[in-house]
PDB file of N, CA and C in Angstrom:
ATOM      1  N   MET A   1     194.222 177.794 -19.922  1.00  0.00           N
ATOM      2  CA  MET A   1     195.136 178.400 -20.873  1.00  0.00           C
ATOM      3  C   MET A   1     195.262 179.889 -20.537  1.00  0.00           C
ATOM      4  N   PRO A   2     196.477 180.370 -20.425  1.00  0.00           N
ATOM      5  CA  PRO A   2     196.675 181.782 -20.096  1.00  0.00           C
ATOM      6  C   PRO A   2     196.119 182.706 -21.179  1.00  0.00           C
ATOM      7  N   VAL A   3     195.729 183.894 -20.751  1.00  0.00           N
ATOM      8  CA  VAL A   3     195.255 184.920 -21.679  1.00  0.00           C
ATOM      9  C   VAL A   3     196.457 185.405 -22.491  1.00  0.00           C
ATOM     10  N   SER A   4     196.269 185.580 -23.783  1.00  0.00           N
ATOM     11  CA  SER A   4     197.382 186.045 -24.623  1.00  0.00           C
ATOM     12  C   SER A   4     197.809 187.446 -24.193  1.00  0.00           C
ATOM     13  N   LYS A   5     199.074 187.735 -24.361  1.00  0.00           N
ATOM     14  CA  LYS A   5     199.601 189.055 -24.003  1.00  0.00           C
ATOM     15  C   LYS A   5     198.897 190.152 -24.793  1.00  0.00           C
ATOM     16  N   GLU A   6     198.594 189.885 -26.066  1.00  0.00           N
ATOM     17  CA  GLU A   6     197.920 190.874 -26.910  1.00  0.00           C
ATOM     18  C   GLU A   6     196.537 191.224 -26.354  1.00  0.00           C
ATOM     19  N   LEU A   7     195.805 190.202 -25.916  1.00  0.00           N
ATOM     20  CA  LEU A   7     194.477 190.448 -25.344  1.00  0.00           C
ATOM     21  C   LEU A   7     194.600 191.157 -24.006  1.00  0.00           C
ATOM     22  N   LEU A   8     195.515 190.707 -23.177  1.00  0.00           N
ATOM     23  CA  LEU A   8     195.698 191.327 -21.866  1.00  0.00           C
ATOM     24  C   LEU A   8     196.104 192.796 -21.999  1.00  0.00           C
ATOM     25  N   ASP A   9     196.852 193.119 -23.037  1.00  0.00           N
ATOM     26  CA  ASP A   9     197.269 194.505 -23.255  1.00  0.00           C
ATOM     27  C   ASP A   9     196.101 195.438 -23.571  1.00  0.00           C
ATOM     28  N   ILE A  10     195.016 194.914 -24.140  1.00  0.00           N
ATOM     29  CA  ILE A  10     193.888 195.780 -24.491  1.00  0.00           C
ATOM     30  C   ILE A  10     192.720 195.706 -23.510  1.00  0.00           C
ATOM     31  N   LEU A  11     192.692 194.653 -22.674  1.00  0.00           N
ATOM     32  CA  LEU A  11     191.601 194.534 -21.706  1.00  0.00           C
ATOM     33  C   LEU A  11     191.803 195.503 -20.544  1.00  0.00           C
ATOM     34  N   CYS A  12     190.679 196.009 -20.051  1.00  0.00           N
ATOM     35  CA  CYS A  12     190.708 196.813 -18.834  1.00  0.00           C
ATOM     36  C   CYS A  12     189.380 196.636 -18.123  1.00  0.00           C
ATOM     37  N   CYS A  13     189.336 197.047 -16.891  1.00  0.00           N
ATOM     38  CA  CYS A  13     188.104 196.961 -16.110  1.00  0.00           C
ATOM     39  C   CYS A  13     187.046 197.851 -16.764  1.00  0.00           C
ATOM     40  N   PRO A  14     185.860 197.302 -17.053  1.00  0.00           N
ATOM     41  CA  PRO A  14     184.837 198.120 -17.693  1.00  0.00           C
ATOM     42  C   PRO A  14     184.285 199.226 -16.788  1.00  0.00           C
ATOM     43  N   LYS A  15     184.480 199.090 -15.499  1.00  0.00           N
ATOM     44  CA  LYS A  15     183.974 200.094 -14.560  1.00  0.00           C
ATOM     45  C   LYS A  15     184.993 201.203 -14.308  1.00  0.00           C
ATOM     46  N   THR A  16     186.243 200.820 -14.055  1.00  0.00           N
ATOM     47  CA  THR A  16     187.246 201.799 -13.644  1.00  0.00           C
ATOM     48  C   THR A  16     188.293 202.103 -14.710  1.00  0.00           C
ATOM     49  N   ARG A  17     188.340 201.277 -15.741  1.00  0.00           N
ATOM     50  CA  ARG A  17     189.318 201.388 -16.839  1.00  0.00           C
ATOM     51  C   ARG A  17     190.751 201.090 -16.391  1.00  0.00           C
ATOM     52  N   VAL A  18     190.909 200.471 -15.229  1.00  0.00           N
ATOM     53  CA  VAL A  18     192.215 200.057 -14.742  1.00  0.00           C
ATOM     54  C   VAL A  18     192.638 198.799 -15.503  1.00  0.00           C
ATOM     55  N   ALA A  19     193.921 198.704 -15.833  1.00  0.00           N
ATOM     56  CA  ALA A  19     194.449 197.532 -16.535  1.00  0.00           C
ATOM     57  C   ALA A  19     194.284 196.271 -15.674  1.00  0.00           C
ATOM     58  N   LEU A  20     194.379 195.128 -16.339  1.00  0.00           N
ATOM     59  CA  LEU A  20     194.186 193.840 -15.668  1.00  0.00           C
ATOM     60  C   LEU A  20     195.443 192.998 -15.731  1.00  0.00           C
ATOM     61  N   LYS A  21     195.550 192.084 -14.781  1.00  0.00           N
ATOM     62  CA  LYS A  21     196.619 191.085 -14.777  1.00  0.00           C
ATOM     63  C   LYS A  21     196.000 189.745 -14.414  1.00  0.00           C
ATOM     64  N   GLU A  22     196.687 188.672 -14.767  1.00  0.00           N
ATOM     65  CA  GLU A  22     196.162 187.343 -14.479  1.00  0.00           C
ATOM     66  C   GLU A  22     196.343 186.995 -13.010  1.00  0.00           C
ATOM     67  N   LEU A  23     195.387 186.247 -12.483  1.00  0.00           N
ATOM     68  CA  LEU A  23     195.519 185.711 -11.138  1.00  0.00           C
ATOM     69  C   LEU A  23     196.473 184.522 -11.180  1.00  0.00           C
ATOM     70  N   SER A  24     197.254 184.361 -10.143  1.00  0.00           N
ATOM     71  CA  SER A  24     198.139 183.206 -10.045  1.00  0.00           C
ATOM     72  C   SER A  24     197.334 181.984  -9.602  1.00  0.00           C
ATOM     73  N   ALA A  25     197.904 180.812  -9.780  1.00  0.00           N
ATOM     74  CA  ALA A  25     197.248 179.575  -9.332  1.00  0.00           C
ATOM     75  C   ALA A  25     197.014 179.619  -7.821  1.00  0.00           C
ATOM     76  N   GLU A  26     197.971 180.176  -7.085  1.00  0.00           N
ATOM     77  CA  GLU A  26     197.826 180.290  -5.630  1.00  0.00           C
ATOM     78  C   GLU A  26     196.658 181.200  -5.262  1.00  0.00           C
ATOM     79  N   GLN A  27     196.532 182.331  -5.956  1.00  0.00           N
ATOM     80  CA  GLN A  27     195.412 183.240  -5.695  1.00  0.00           C
ATOM     81  C   GLN A  27     194.082 182.563  -6.031  1.00  0.00           C
ATOM     82  N   ILE A  28     194.025 181.851  -7.132  1.00  0.00           N
ATOM     83  CA  ILE A  28     192.789 181.166  -7.517  1.00  0.00           C
ATOM     84  C   ILE A  28     192.410 180.128  -6.465  1.00  0.00           C
ATOM     85  N   ASN A  29     193.381 179.403  -5.946  1.00  0.00           N
ATOM     86  CA  ASN A  29     193.092 178.425  -4.893  1.00  0.00           C
ATOM     87  C   ASN A  29     192.517 179.091  -3.654  1.00  0.00           C
ATOM     88  N   LYS A  30     193.093 180.227  -3.249  1.00  0.00           N
ATOM     89  CA  LYS A  30     192.584 180.952  -2.085  1.00  0.00           C
ATOM     90  C   LYS A  30     191.164 181.465  -2.336  1.00  0.00           C
ATOM     91  N   ILE A  31     190.944 182.005  -3.520  1.00  0.00           N
ATOM     92  CA  ILE A  31     189.621 182.518  -3.882  1.00  0.00           C
ATOM     93  C   ILE A  31     188.597 181.380  -3.870  1.00  0.00           C
ATOM     94  N   ASN A  32     188.939 180.258  -4.487  1.00  0.00           N
ATOM     95  CA  ASN A  32     188.008 179.131  -4.568  1.00  0.00           C
ATOM     96  C   ASN A  32     187.688 178.545  -3.198  1.00  0.00           C
ATOM     97  N   LYS A  33     188.643 178.582  -2.293  1.00  0.00           N
ATOM     98  CA  LYS A  33     188.387 178.108  -0.927  1.00  0.00           C
ATOM     99  C   LYS A  33     187.266 178.943  -0.287  1.00  0.00           C
ATOM    100  N   GLU A  34     187.332 180.242  -0.485  1.00  0.00           N
ATOM    101  CA  GLU A  34     186.299 181.110   0.101  1.00  0.00           C
ATOM    102  C   GLU A  34     184.984 181.017  -0.667  1.00  0.00           C
ATOM    103  N   ILE A  35     185.058 180.849  -1.991  1.00  0.00           N
ATOM    104  CA  ILE A  35     183.831 180.669  -2.773  1.00  0.00           C
ATOM    105  C   ILE A  35     183.100 179.414  -2.288  1.00  0.00           C
ATOM    106  N   SER A  36     183.846 178.353  -2.005  1.00  0.00           N
ATOM    107  CA  SER A  36     183.222 177.100  -1.558  1.00  0.00           C
ATOM    108  C   SER A  36     182.524 177.255  -0.212  1.00  0.00           C
ATOM    109  N   GLN A  37     182.908 178.266   0.560  1.00  0.00           N
ATOM    110  CA  GLN A  37     182.262 178.525   1.855  1.00  0.00           C
ATOM    111  C   GLN A  37     181.000 179.379   1.705  1.00  0.00           C
ATOM    112  N   LYS A  38     180.689 179.739   0.455  1.00  0.00           N
ATOM    113  CA  LYS A  38     179.473 180.497   0.127  1.00  0.00           C
ATOM    114  C   LYS A  38     179.423 181.863   0.814  1.00  0.00           C
ATOM    115  N   THR A  39     180.583 182.535   0.884  1.00  0.00           N
ATOM    116  CA  THR A  39     180.643 183.841   1.550  1.00  0.00           C
ATOM    117  C   THR A  39     180.988 184.973   0.594  1.00  0.00           C
ATOM    118  N   ILE A  40     181.130 184.674  -0.705  1.00  0.00           N
ATOM    119  CA  ILE A  40     181.604 185.656  -1.674  1.00  0.00           C
ATOM    120  C   ILE A  40     180.469 186.040  -2.624  1.00  0.00           C
ATOM    121  N   ASN A  41     180.348 187.332  -2.918  1.00  0.00           N
ATOM    122  CA  ASN A  41     179.308 187.841  -3.807  1.00  0.00           C
ATOM    123  C   ASN A  41     179.905 188.592  -4.988  1.00  0.00           C
ATOM    124  N   TYR A  42     179.150 188.597  -6.087  1.00  0.00           N
ATOM    125  CA  TYR A  42     179.482 189.434  -7.233  1.00  0.00           C
ATOM    126  C   TYR A  42     179.171 190.890  -6.875  1.00  0.00           C
ATOM    127  N   ALA A  43     179.558 191.804  -7.734  1.00  0.00           N
ATOM    128  CA  ALA A  43     179.311 193.232  -7.509  1.00  0.00           C
ATOM    129  C   ALA A  43     177.821 193.538  -7.388  1.00  0.00           C
ATOM    130  N   ASP A  44     176.976 192.752  -8.053  1.00  0.00           N
ATOM    131  CA  ASP A  44     175.530 192.987  -7.973  1.00  0.00           C
ATOM    132  C   ASP A  44     174.886 192.387  -6.726  1.00  0.00           C
ATOM    133  N   GLY A  45     175.695 191.764  -5.861  1.00  0.00           N
ATOM    134  CA  GLY A  45     175.184 191.206  -4.611  1.00  0.00           C
ATOM    135  C   GLY A  45     174.803 189.738  -4.679  1.00  0.00           C
ATOM    136  N   LYS A  46     174.750 189.173  -5.869  1.00  0.00           N
ATOM    137  CA  LYS A  46     174.420 187.752  -5.996  1.00  0.00           C
ATOM    138  C   LYS A  46     175.628 186.918  -5.581  1.00  0.00           C
ATOM    139  N   PRO A  47     175.358 185.756  -4.955  1.00  0.00           N
ATOM    140  CA  PRO A  47     176.478 184.918  -4.515  1.00  0.00           C
ATOM    141  C   PRO A  47     177.231 184.299  -5.688  1.00  0.00           C
ATOM    142  N   VAL A  48     178.538 184.194  -5.527  1.00  0.00           N
ATOM    143  CA  VAL A  48     179.364 183.484  -6.501  1.00  0.00           C
ATOM    144  C   VAL A  48     179.160 182.002  -6.208  1.00  0.00           C
ATOM    145  N   ASP A  49     178.584 181.285  -7.151  1.00  0.00           N
ATOM    146  CA  ASP A  49     178.233 179.880  -6.910  1.00  0.00           C
ATOM    147  C   ASP A  49     179.084 178.902  -7.704  1.00  0.00           C
ATOM    148  N   LYS A  50     180.064 179.418  -8.428  1.00  0.00           N
ATOM    149  CA  LYS A  50     180.918 178.570  -9.257  1.00  0.00           C
ATOM    150  C   LYS A  50     182.370 178.990  -9.046  1.00  0.00           C
ATOM    151  N   GLU A  51     183.224 178.013  -8.748  1.00  0.00           N
ATOM    152  CA  GLU A  51     184.635 178.318  -8.533  1.00  0.00           C
ATOM    153  C   GLU A  51     185.280 178.819  -9.821  1.00  0.00           C
ATOM    154  N   LEU A  52     186.385 179.538  -9.668  1.00  0.00           N
ATOM    155  CA  LEU A  52     187.123 180.059 -10.808  1.00  0.00           C
ATOM    156  C   LEU A  52     188.043 178.996 -11.397  1.00  0.00           C
ATOM    157  N   GLU A  53     188.093 178.933 -12.707  1.00  0.00           N
ATOM    158  CA  GLU A  53     189.099 178.121 -13.390  1.00  0.00           C
ATOM    159  C   GLU A  53     190.324 179.001 -13.646  1.00  0.00           C
ATOM    160  N   GLU A  54     190.050 180.215 -14.101  1.00  0.00           N
ATOM    161  CA  GLU A  54     191.061 181.239 -14.340  1.00  0.00           C
ATOM    162  C   GLU A  54     190.430 182.573 -13.992  1.00  0.00           C
ATOM    163  N   GLY A  55     191.255 183.604 -13.859  1.00  0.00           N
ATOM    164  CA  GLY A  55     190.698 184.905 -13.562  1.00  0.00           C
ATOM    165  C   GLY A  55     191.676 186.029 -13.801  1.00  0.00           C
ATOM    166  N   LEU A  56     191.109 187.225 -13.833  1.00  0.00           N
ATOM    167  CA  LEU A  56     191.877 188.458 -13.988  1.00  0.00           C
ATOM    168  C   LEU A  56     191.557 189.347 -12.792  1.00  0.00           C
ATOM    169  N   ILE A  57     192.515 190.175 -12.417  1.00  0.00           N
ATOM    170  CA  ILE A  57     192.298 191.124 -11.338  1.00  0.00           C
ATOM    171  C   ILE A  57     192.840 192.471 -11.792  1.00  0.00           C
ATOM    172  N   THR A  58     192.174 193.530 -11.399  1.00  0.00           N
ATOM    173  CA  THR A  58     192.661 194.855 -11.762  1.00  0.00           C
ATOM    174  C   THR A  58     194.034 195.081 -11.130  1.00  0.00           C
ATOM    175  N   GLU A  59     194.848 195.898 -11.779  1.00  0.00           N
ATOM    176  CA  GLU A  59     196.200 196.143 -11.268  1.00  0.00           C
ATOM    177  C   GLU A  59     196.202 196.815  -9.901  1.00  0.00           C
ATOM    178  N   ASP A  60     195.083 197.453  -9.533  1.00  0.00           N
ATOM    179  CA  ASP A  60     194.981 198.028  -8.188  1.00  0.00           C
ATOM    180  C   ASP A  60     194.414 197.020  -7.186  1.00  0.00           C
ATOM    181  N   ASN A  61     194.230 195.766  -7.638  1.00  0.00           N
ATOM    182  CA  ASN A  61     193.791 194.646  -6.785  1.00  0.00           C
ATOM    183  C   ASN A  61     192.412 194.848  -6.160  1.00  0.00           C
ATOM    184  N   LYS A  62     191.490 195.489  -6.892  1.00  0.00           N
ATOM    185  CA  LYS A  62     190.180 195.768  -6.325  1.00  0.00           C
ATOM    186  C   LYS A  62     189.047 194.924  -6.898  1.00  0.00           C
ATOM    187  N   ILE A  63     189.147 194.510  -8.161  1.00  0.00           N
ATOM    188  CA  ILE A  63     188.047 193.773  -8.786  1.00  0.00           C
ATOM    189  C   ILE A  63     188.601 192.567  -9.543  1.00  0.00           C
ATOM    190  N   ILE A  64     187.929 191.439  -9.364  1.00  0.00           N
ATOM    191  CA  ILE A  64     188.304 190.191 -10.024  1.00  0.00           C
ATOM    192  C   ILE A  64     187.251 189.875 -11.082  1.00  0.00           C
ATOM    193  N   TYR A  65     187.712 189.430 -12.240  1.00  0.00           N
ATOM    194  CA  TYR A  65     186.819 188.978 -13.309  1.00  0.00           C
ATOM    195  C   TYR A  65     187.156 187.536 -13.643  1.00  0.00           C
ATOM    196  N   ARG A  66     186.135 186.711 -13.737  1.00  0.00           N
ATOM    197  CA  ARG A  66     186.353 185.307 -14.039  1.00  0.00           C
ATOM    198  C   ARG A  66     186.616 185.103 -15.523  1.00  0.00           C
ATOM    199  N   ILE A  67     187.274 184.012 -15.829  1.00  0.00           N
ATOM    200  CA  ILE A  67     187.463 183.568 -17.205  1.00  0.00           C
ATOM    201  C   ILE A  67     186.805 182.195 -17.280  1.00  0.00           C
ATOM    202  N   ASP A  68     185.779 182.065 -18.093  1.00  0.00           N
ATOM    203  CA  ASP A  68     185.075 180.801 -18.263  1.00  0.00           C
ATOM    204  C   ASP A  68     185.277 180.302 -19.683  1.00  0.00           C
ATOM    205  N   GLU A  69     185.774 179.077 -19.800  1.00  0.00           N
ATOM    206  CA  GLU A  69     186.016 178.466 -21.105  1.00  0.00           C
ATOM    207  C   GLU A  69     186.858 179.373 -21.991  1.00  0.00           C
ATOM    208  N   GLU A  70     187.908 179.940 -21.385  1.00  0.00           N
ATOM    209  CA  GLU A  70     188.884 180.811 -22.050  1.00  0.00           C
ATOM    210  C   GLU A  70     188.313 182.164 -22.484  1.00  0.00           C
ATOM    211  N   ILE A  71     187.135 182.531 -21.976  1.00  0.00           N
ATOM    212  CA  ILE A  71     186.508 183.811 -22.324  1.00  0.00           C
ATOM    213  C   ILE A  71     186.434 184.687 -21.070  1.00  0.00           C
ATOM    214  N   PRO A  72     187.117 185.833 -21.074  1.00  0.00           N
ATOM    215  CA  PRO A  72     187.001 186.755 -19.938  1.00  0.00           C
ATOM    216  C   PRO A  72     185.570 187.304 -19.845  1.00  0.00           C
ATOM    217  N   ILE A  73     184.987 187.223 -18.657  1.00  0.00           N
ATOM    218  CA  ILE A  73     183.630 187.727 -18.425  1.00  0.00           C
ATOM    219  C   ILE A  73     183.767 189.139 -17.865  1.00  0.00           C
ATOM    220  N   MET A  74     183.679 190.116 -18.771  1.00  0.00           N
ATOM    221  CA  MET A  74     183.974 191.502 -18.417  1.00  0.00           C
ATOM    222  C   MET A  74     182.692 192.319 -18.224  1.00  0.00           C
ATOM    223  N   LEU A  75     181.800 191.821 -17.403  1.00  0.00           N
ATOM    224  CA  LEU A  75     180.563 192.529 -17.079  1.00  0.00           C
ATOM    225  C   LEU A  75     180.703 193.145 -15.696  1.00  0.00           C
ATOM    226  N   ILE A  76     180.326 194.397 -15.561  1.00  0.00           N
ATOM    227  CA  ILE A  76     180.481 195.099 -14.282  1.00  0.00           C
ATOM    228  C   ILE A  76     179.798 194.346 -13.150  1.00  0.00           C
ATOM    229  N   ASP A  77     178.568 193.895 -13.362  1.00  0.00           N
ATOM    230  CA  ASP A  77     177.829 193.185 -12.316  1.00  0.00           C
ATOM    231  C   ASP A  77     178.459 191.850 -11.943  1.00  0.00           C
ATOM    232  N   MET A  78     179.267 191.278 -12.859  1.00  0.00           N
ATOM    233  CA  MET A  78     179.903 189.979 -12.614  1.00  0.00           C
ATOM    234  C   MET A  78     181.319 190.133 -12.052  1.00  0.00           C
ATOM    235  N   GLY A  79     181.741 191.361 -11.803  1.00  0.00           N
ATOM    236  CA  GLY A  79     183.016 191.573 -11.130  1.00  0.00           C
ATOM    237  C   GLY A  79     182.895 191.104  -9.688  1.00  0.00           C
ATOM    238  N   ILE A  80     183.979 190.636  -9.139  1.00  0.00           N
ATOM    239  CA  ILE A  80     183.988 190.170  -7.752  1.00  0.00           C
ATOM    240  C   ILE A  80     184.877 191.126  -6.957  1.00  0.00           C
ATOM    241  N   PRO A  81     184.278 191.917  -6.059  1.00  0.00           N
ATOM    242  CA  PRO A  81     185.097 192.840  -5.261  1.00  0.00           C
ATOM    243  C   PRO A  81     186.115 192.073  -4.415  1.00  0.00           C
ATOM    244  N   ALA A  82     187.390 192.378  -4.606  1.00  0.00           N
ATOM    245  CA  ALA A  82     188.470 191.649  -3.931  1.00  0.00           C
ATOM    246  C   ALA A  82     188.523 191.922  -2.442  1.00  0.00           C
ATOM    247  N   GLU A  83     187.904 192.983  -1.983  1.00  0.00           N
ATOM    248  CA  GLU A  83     187.918 193.314  -0.558  1.00  0.00           C
ATOM    249  C   GLU A  83     187.250 192.227   0.298  1.00  0.00           C
ATOM    250  N   GLN A  84     186.469 191.343  -0.335  1.00  0.00           N
ATOM    251  CA  GLN A  84     185.792 190.260   0.386  1.00  0.00           C
ATOM    252  C   GLN A  84     186.737 189.159   0.844  1.00  0.00           C
ATOM    253  N   PHE A  85     187.920 189.099   0.255  1.00  0.00           N
ATOM    254  CA  PHE A  85     188.833 188.009   0.542  1.00  0.00           C
ATOM    255  C   PHE A  85     189.766 188.370   1.689  1.00  0.00           C
ATOM    256  N   LYS A  86     189.938 187.423   2.580  1.00  0.00           N
ATOM    257  CA  LYS A  86     190.783 187.659   3.744  1.00  0.00           C
ATOM    258  C   LYS A  86     192.218 187.916   3.352  1.00  0.00           C
ATOM    259  N   SER A  87     192.707 187.138   2.397  1.00  0.00           N
ATOM    260  CA  SER A  87     194.104 187.299   2.006  1.00  0.00           C
ATOM    261  C   SER A  87     194.321 186.707   0.620  1.00  0.00           C
ATOM    262  N   LEU A  88     194.716 187.545  -0.312  1.00  0.00           N
ATOM    263  CA  LEU A  88     195.062 187.069  -1.645  1.00  0.00           C
ATOM    264  C   LEU A  88     196.564 187.092  -1.852  1.00  0.00           C
ATOM    265  N   TYR A  89     197.297 187.686  -0.906  1.00  0.00           N
ATOM    266  CA  TYR A  89     198.743 187.864  -1.116  1.00  0.00           C
ATOM    267  C   TYR A  89     199.541 187.316   0.018  1.00  0.00           C
TER     268      TYR A  89
END
């Protein structure tokens, strides 16, 4: 289920305060392909071991935050640096 516009309007990256936008289905598929190869880490260095169902990315395309069970996980350590992905666009 997409994040409501009202919630998206108030959410921002807890680290940089940059606004967020939703990831497209195509971006999520690309991200999950790389997650399944066990090559992607969270900001704290721990491996991402669970594929994304939904996600948000900062408007500057630098940090991804997962959405689990319709709840955005907005913890700095749980951000996924987007620079790890070969191609999101």
